[in-house]
Amino acid sequence: MDTEIGSRTWHAHAKINLALHVTGRRPDGYHLIDSLAVFTRFGDRVEVALADSDDFVVSGRYAAAVPLDAGNLVLKARDALRREAGPSRTPPVSIKLEKNLPVASGVGGGSSDAAAVLRGLARTWALDMDDAELARIGLSLGADVPMCLAAKPLVARGIGDELSMVPDFSALGLVLVNPGTPVLTADVFAALSSRDNEPLPPLPRSIDFHSLRNWLEVTRNDLEPAALALQPAIGRALSWLDKAGSGFSRMSGSGATCFGLFETGNVAKRAAAEIRGRQPGWFVAATRSMSSEAE
C-alpha cells in the first residue's frame, strides 16, 4: 500500500470575470481580452503528498466529469513542473482533487486546479521557484493559469497573460449560479459577432460595492450574448439572481456560471438559499471574493 508523507491541502479558487471585453484576435487564433477578475473563497481543493508512486484521485460533487488521463490539467501541471525541475528533484506524489466546481463552467476551475498543483508541488518538492517561474510554466498549460496563480483582484489583458493587480479591492459578497449546462469556450468564441471591441474603461478611484456596481453597468461580458444563444438556460440563471435581489448580475467567462453581486455576505447567503430552494438541481454557492490584501 502506498504511503503518503507530509500531506497538505491547497485551495483552487473560482475565477470570476466581473467584466470581459474581447478586444481583438491574434494571427494564431488566440483572442485578446480586457477583463477585471476576482477569485472566490469557494472552489476546488487539491491535496498533495509524497508517495511511493504517482497517484491521482478525484472526489466531490463533480468528480464524474473530470478526466483521469494525461489530458487533465492537474496531471499536465505535475508533468510540466517535473520536466522543468528534473526527475531527480521530483519524486512520486499523490494528488487528490476535490471537485466542487462544475466543469466547463466559465470560472477557470481546471486552470485553478493546475495553479494549485503547481504551488503545492513546488512546496512539496522544495523547488526554488518564484511566482514568475511558476507563471511561465502555467502559461504553457493555459492562458488562465497565471492569473489563477495570482488569485487576487486583477485586470488581465493580452490573451489573459498580461496581469495588473488592483490594490485596495475589498472582498465582495457573491452568489454563483450554474444551471447545469456545460459550455465549451471554443464554441462561444466561434459564435462571436464582434472581436474588436473597446477595452475596459478606467476603474473607479475608490472601489466599494456602489462604485463597482456603477462601473460594471457601463462594461460588458462580450461572450454573454453568444453563450446565451447556445444555452438559453443562462438567461434563467441571471433571472433568478435578479429575483433574489442581486445588485448586479452577469455571466462569468464563457459561461454558463453567472454571478450576483450582494452588499453583504449574509444577504448573499439568503439569496443562495432562495435560489437553491427553487432550483435544487442547479449549482448554487454563496461566497466571498479574495481581497487584494489576501494571502
Protein backbone atom coordinates (compact mmCIF):
# COMPACT_ATOMS: atom_id res chain seq x y z
CA MET A 1 0.00 0.00 0.00
CA ASP A 2 1.31 3.44 -0.94
CA THR A 3 2.37 5.69 1.90
CA GLU A 4 1.90 9.46 1.86
CA ILE A 5 4.23 11.87 3.60
CA GLY A 6 3.51 15.46 4.61
CA SER A 7 0.10 15.84 3.01
CA ARG A 8 -1.09 19.43 2.61
CA THR A 9 -4.22 20.96 1.08
CA TRP A 10 -4.24 23.85 -1.40
CA HIS A 11 -7.24 25.91 -2.42
CA ALA A 12 -8.18 26.26 -6.08
CA HIS A 13 -10.27 29.44 -6.13
CA ALA A 14 -13.01 30.00 -8.70
CA LYS A 15 -12.18 32.82 -11.13
CA ILE A 16 -14.98 35.30 -11.73
CA ASN A 17 -14.76 37.68 -14.70
CA LEU A 18 -16.66 40.70 -13.41
CA ALA A 19 -16.24 42.28 -16.84
CA LEU A 20 -14.73 40.81 -20.01
CA HIS A 21 -14.20 42.73 -23.24
CA VAL A 22 -12.90 40.97 -26.35
CA THR A 23 -10.57 43.48 -27.97
CA GLY A 24 -9.01 41.61 -30.90
CA ARG A 25 -7.61 38.39 -32.27
CA ARG A 26 -4.02 37.33 -32.88
CA PRO A 27 -2.91 35.66 -36.13
CA ASP A 28 -2.54 32.37 -34.23
CA GLY A 29 -6.25 32.43 -33.35
CA TYR A 30 -5.95 33.47 -29.69
CA HIS A 31 -8.39 36.19 -28.73
CA LEU A 32 -7.26 39.33 -26.93
CA ILE A 33 -9.20 40.30 -23.84
CA ASP A 34 -9.50 43.04 -21.26
CA SER A 35 -11.00 41.64 -18.07
CA LEU A 36 -11.47 42.53 -14.41
CA ALA A 37 -11.36 39.28 -12.44
CA VAL A 38 -11.69 38.28 -8.81
CA PHE A 39 -11.25 34.91 -7.13
CA THR A 40 -13.66 33.37 -4.64
CA ARG A 41 -13.05 31.59 -1.39
CA PHE A 42 -15.26 28.78 -2.64
CA GLY A 43 -13.62 26.42 -5.09
CA ASP A 44 -11.90 23.10 -5.53
CA ARG A 45 -9.33 21.66 -3.12
CA VAL A 46 -6.09 19.90 -4.01
CA GLU A 47 -4.19 17.66 -1.59
CA VAL A 48 -0.55 16.93 -2.44
CA ALA A 49 1.78 14.49 -0.69
CA LEU A 50 4.93 12.50 -1.37
CA ALA A 51 4.10 8.86 -2.13
CA ASP A 52 5.61 5.55 -3.24
CA SER A 53 4.22 6.06 -6.75
CA ASP A 54 2.33 8.72 -8.68
CA ASP A 55 -1.39 8.66 -7.99
CA PHE A 56 -4.36 10.86 -8.91
CA VAL A 57 -7.76 10.57 -7.22
CA VAL A 58 -10.83 12.78 -7.72
CA SER A 59 -13.74 13.20 -5.31
CA GLY A 60 -16.50 15.76 -4.85
CA ARG A 61 -19.82 16.63 -6.47
CA TYR A 62 -18.40 16.96 -9.99
CA ALA A 63 -15.80 14.18 -9.85
CA ALA A 64 -17.55 12.12 -12.54
CA ALA A 65 -16.97 14.86 -15.13
CA VAL A 66 -13.19 15.01 -14.55
CA PRO A 67 -10.96 13.04 -16.94
CA LEU A 68 -8.33 10.93 -15.21
CA ASP A 69 -5.94 10.63 -18.15
CA ALA A 70 -2.98 12.76 -19.20
CA GLY A 71 -5.33 15.33 -20.74
CA ASN A 72 -6.28 16.57 -17.28
CA LEU A 73 -4.69 19.93 -16.43
CA VAL A 74 -3.74 18.65 -12.97
CA LEU A 75 -1.56 15.94 -14.46
CA LYS A 76 -0.27 18.29 -17.15
CA ALA A 77 0.82 20.68 -14.39
CA ARG A 78 2.58 17.89 -12.49
CA ASP A 79 4.37 16.68 -15.61
CA ALA A 80 5.34 20.19 -16.76
CA LEU A 81 6.87 21.04 -13.38
CA ARG A 82 8.66 17.70 -13.29
CA ARG A 83 10.17 18.33 -16.76
CA GLU A 84 11.30 21.78 -15.65
CA ALA A 85 12.91 20.67 -12.39
CA GLY A 86 14.19 17.27 -13.49
CA PRO A 87 13.28 13.76 -12.27
CA SER A 88 15.88 13.65 -9.50
CA ARG A 89 14.18 16.55 -7.67
CA THR A 90 10.59 15.47 -8.29
CA PRO A 91 9.83 12.10 -6.63
CA PRO A 92 6.40 10.41 -6.93
CA VAL A 93 3.40 12.22 -5.48
CA SER A 94 -0.19 11.53 -4.62
CA ILE A 95 -2.62 14.21 -5.82
CA LYS A 96 -6.20 14.27 -4.58
CA LEU A 97 -8.65 16.68 -6.21
CA GLU A 98 -11.93 17.59 -4.52
CA LYS A 99 -14.01 18.85 -7.45
CA ASN A 100 -16.60 21.27 -6.09
CA LEU A 101 -16.91 23.49 -9.18
CA PRO A 102 -18.84 22.49 -12.31
CA VAL A 103 -16.70 21.52 -15.30
CA ALA A 104 -16.61 23.78 -18.40
CA SER A 105 -18.45 26.49 -16.45
CA GLY A 106 -16.57 29.75 -17.08
CA VAL A 107 -14.91 30.04 -13.67
CA GLY A 108 -11.47 28.69 -14.56
CA GLY A 109 -11.83 25.54 -12.47
CA GLY A 110 -9.33 23.43 -14.40
CA SER A 111 -6.86 26.31 -14.60
CA SER A 112 -7.19 26.99 -10.88
CA ASP A 113 -6.69 23.29 -10.14
CA ALA A 114 -3.50 23.39 -12.21
CA ALA A 115 -2.34 26.54 -10.38
CA ALA A 116 -2.94 24.88 -7.01
CA VAL A 117 -0.98 21.82 -8.12
CA LEU A 118 1.95 23.96 -9.29
CA ARG A 119 2.06 25.76 -5.94
CA GLY A 120 1.56 22.58 -3.96
CA LEU A 121 4.20 20.59 -5.82
CA ALA A 122 6.73 23.43 -5.73
CA ARG A 123 6.40 23.39 -1.93
CA THR A 124 6.25 19.60 -1.60
CA TRP A 125 9.30 19.13 -3.81
CA ALA A 126 11.08 22.08 -2.13
CA LEU A 127 11.77 23.71 -5.50
CA ASP A 128 13.37 27.14 -5.52
CA MET A 129 10.94 28.71 -7.98
CA ASP A 130 9.44 32.17 -7.69
CA ASP A 131 5.99 33.27 -8.84
CA ALA A 132 7.27 34.40 -12.22
CA GLU A 133 8.74 30.97 -12.97
CA LEU A 134 5.55 29.21 -11.93
CA ALA A 135 3.52 31.63 -14.07
CA ARG A 136 5.72 30.91 -17.08
CA ILE A 137 5.13 27.18 -16.67
CA GLY A 138 1.44 27.85 -16.05
CA LEU A 139 1.08 29.82 -19.27
CA SER A 140 2.28 26.78 -21.20
CA LEU A 141 -0.74 24.92 -19.77
CA GLY A 142 -3.35 27.59 -20.50
CA ALA A 143 -3.88 31.35 -20.67
CA ASP A 144 -5.87 31.41 -17.41
CA VAL A 145 -3.33 29.59 -15.24
CA PRO A 146 -1.07 32.60 -14.46
CA MET A 147 -4.00 34.68 -13.21
CA CYS A 148 -5.23 31.73 -11.14
CA LEU A 149 -1.77 31.54 -9.58
CA ALA A 150 -2.14 35.19 -8.55
CA ALA A 151 -5.69 34.68 -7.19
CA LYS A 152 -6.18 38.35 -6.28
CA PRO A 153 -8.26 41.12 -7.89
CA LEU A 154 -6.60 41.90 -11.22
CA VAL A 155 -7.02 43.18 -14.74
CA ALA A 156 -5.96 40.68 -17.38
CA ARG A 157 -5.05 41.77 -20.87
CA GLY A 158 -3.46 40.17 -23.92
CA ILE A 159 -4.59 36.54 -24.07
CA GLY A 160 -5.04 36.74 -20.30
CA ASP A 161 -1.34 36.66 -19.50
CA GLU A 162 -0.70 40.40 -19.02
CA LEU A 163 -1.71 40.93 -15.40
CA SER A 164 -2.10 44.10 -13.35
CA MET A 165 -3.04 43.68 -9.69
CA VAL A 166 -5.78 46.01 -8.41
CA PRO A 167 -4.93 47.48 -4.97
CA ASP A 168 -7.42 48.38 -2.24
CA PHE A 169 -10.04 45.99 -3.55
CA SER A 170 -12.21 44.68 -0.72
CA ALA A 171 -13.91 41.29 -0.58
CA LEU A 172 -17.25 41.08 -2.40
CA GLY A 173 -20.37 39.15 -1.45
CA LEU A 174 -21.21 36.89 -4.38
CA VAL A 175 -23.68 34.19 -5.34
CA LEU A 176 -22.63 31.81 -8.11
CA VAL A 177 -25.30 30.01 -10.11
CA ASN A 178 -24.87 27.41 -12.86
CA PRO A 179 -27.96 25.77 -14.41
CA GLY A 180 -26.06 22.56 -15.17
CA THR A 181 -25.31 23.21 -18.83
CA PRO A 182 -21.63 22.87 -19.80
CA VAL A 183 -20.49 25.42 -22.38
CA LEU A 184 -17.39 24.91 -24.50
CA THR A 185 -15.26 28.05 -24.65
CA ALA A 186 -14.29 27.38 -28.27
CA ASP A 187 -17.96 27.27 -29.30
CA VAL A 188 -18.67 30.61 -27.62
CA PHE A 189 -15.69 32.35 -29.24
CA ALA A 190 -16.65 30.88 -32.62
CA ALA A 191 -20.12 32.40 -32.27
CA LEU A 192 -18.92 35.93 -31.50
CA SER A 193 -20.41 38.63 -33.70
CA SER A 194 -17.61 41.12 -32.96
CA ARG A 195 -13.99 40.60 -31.94
CA ASP A 196 -12.66 44.18 -32.00
CA ASN A 197 -14.42 45.87 -29.12
CA GLU A 198 -13.42 48.75 -26.87
CA PRO A 199 -11.27 47.93 -23.82
CA LEU A 200 -12.45 48.38 -20.26
CA PRO A 201 -12.98 51.93 -19.01
CA PRO A 202 -10.71 53.13 -16.19
CA LEU A 203 -11.52 51.64 -12.81
CA PRO A 204 -13.08 53.86 -10.12
CA ARG A 205 -10.55 55.63 -7.91
CA SER A 206 -12.13 54.08 -4.85
CA ILE A 207 -13.72 50.66 -5.16
CA ASP A 208 -16.65 49.73 -2.96
CA PHE A 209 -19.93 47.94 -3.61
CA HIS A 210 -21.66 51.01 -5.06
CA SER A 211 -18.81 52.38 -7.17
CA LEU A 212 -18.09 48.91 -8.54
CA ARG A 213 -21.73 48.29 -9.41
CA ASN A 214 -21.93 51.63 -11.22
CA TRP A 215 -18.74 50.83 -13.11
CA LEU A 216 -19.99 47.37 -14.07
CA GLU A 217 -23.11 48.93 -15.56
CA VAL A 218 -21.00 50.54 -18.32
CA THR A 219 -18.96 47.39 -19.01
CA ARG A 220 -19.83 44.07 -20.66
CA ASN A 221 -19.09 40.42 -20.95
CA ASP A 222 -18.72 40.22 -24.71
CA LEU A 223 -19.09 36.44 -24.54
CA GLU A 224 -22.51 36.54 -22.88
CA PRO A 225 -24.73 37.09 -25.97
CA ALA A 226 -23.08 34.21 -27.83
CA ALA A 227 -23.28 31.91 -24.81
CA LEU A 228 -26.95 32.82 -24.27
CA ALA A 229 -27.72 31.87 -27.85
CA LEU A 230 -26.03 28.48 -27.33
CA GLN A 231 -27.50 27.87 -23.85
CA PRO A 232 -30.72 29.80 -23.09
CA ALA A 233 -30.67 28.39 -19.54
CA ILE A 234 -28.03 31.04 -18.78
CA GLY A 235 -30.79 33.62 -19.05
CA ARG A 236 -32.83 31.75 -16.44
CA ALA A 237 -29.85 31.75 -14.07
CA LEU A 238 -29.48 35.52 -14.47
CA SER A 239 -33.20 35.98 -13.92
CA TRP A 240 -33.13 34.02 -10.66
CA LEU A 241 -30.22 36.11 -9.39
CA ASP A 242 -32.14 39.28 -10.15
CA LYS A 243 -35.26 37.93 -8.43
CA ALA A 244 -33.18 37.09 -5.35
CA GLY A 245 -32.07 40.71 -5.02
CA SER A 246 -28.69 40.80 -6.76
CA GLY A 247 -27.27 44.29 -7.05
CA PHE A 248 -25.70 43.32 -10.37
CA SER A 249 -25.87 40.04 -12.32
CA ARG A 250 -23.70 38.81 -15.19
CA MET A 251 -22.27 35.66 -16.73
CA SER A 252 -18.65 34.84 -15.89
CA GLY A 253 -16.14 33.95 -18.60
CA SER A 254 -17.63 31.84 -21.37
CA GLY A 255 -20.42 30.54 -19.10
CA ALA A 256 -22.60 29.02 -18.02
CA THR A 257 -21.85 30.15 -14.43
CA CYS A 258 -23.39 33.50 -13.55
CA PHE A 259 -22.68 35.70 -10.55
CA GLY A 260 -24.74 38.09 -8.50
CA LEU A 261 -23.16 40.91 -6.53
CA PHE A 262 -24.53 41.44 -3.00
CA GLU A 263 -23.76 44.14 -0.45
CA THR A 264 -23.14 41.73 2.44
CA GLY A 265 -22.29 38.09 2.89
CA ASN A 266 -25.48 37.43 4.88
CA VAL A 267 -27.68 38.80 2.10
CA ALA A 268 -25.79 36.62 -0.37
CA LYS A 269 -26.39 33.53 1.80
CA ARG A 270 -30.14 34.23 1.96
CA ALA A 271 -30.29 34.73 -1.80
CA ALA A 272 -28.41 31.49 -2.43
CA ALA A 273 -30.80 29.58 -0.15
CA GLU A 274 -33.78 31.05 -2.02
CA ILE A 275 -32.42 30.07 -5.44
CA ARG A 276 -31.36 26.63 -4.22
CA GLY A 277 -34.84 26.03 -2.88
CA ARG A 278 -36.38 26.85 -6.27
CA GLN A 279 -33.71 25.08 -8.36
CA PRO A 280 -32.37 22.19 -6.27
CA GLY A 281 -30.57 20.60 -9.23
CA TRP A 282 -28.51 23.69 -10.02
CA PHE A 283 -25.08 24.60 -8.70
CA VAL A 284 -25.59 27.48 -6.27
CA ALA A 285 -22.95 28.85 -3.90
CA ALA A 286 -22.75 31.92 -1.69
CA THR A 287 -19.17 33.05 -1.24
CA ARG A 288 -16.83 35.99 -0.84
CA SER A 289 -14.06 37.06 -3.12
CA MET A 290 -10.43 37.31 -2.09
CA SER A 291 -9.43 40.89 -1.30
CA SER A 292 -6.32 42.50 -2.76
CA GLU A 293 -4.64 42.04 0.61
CA ALA A 294 -5.39 38.31 0.86
CA GLU A 295 -2.53 35.88 1.17
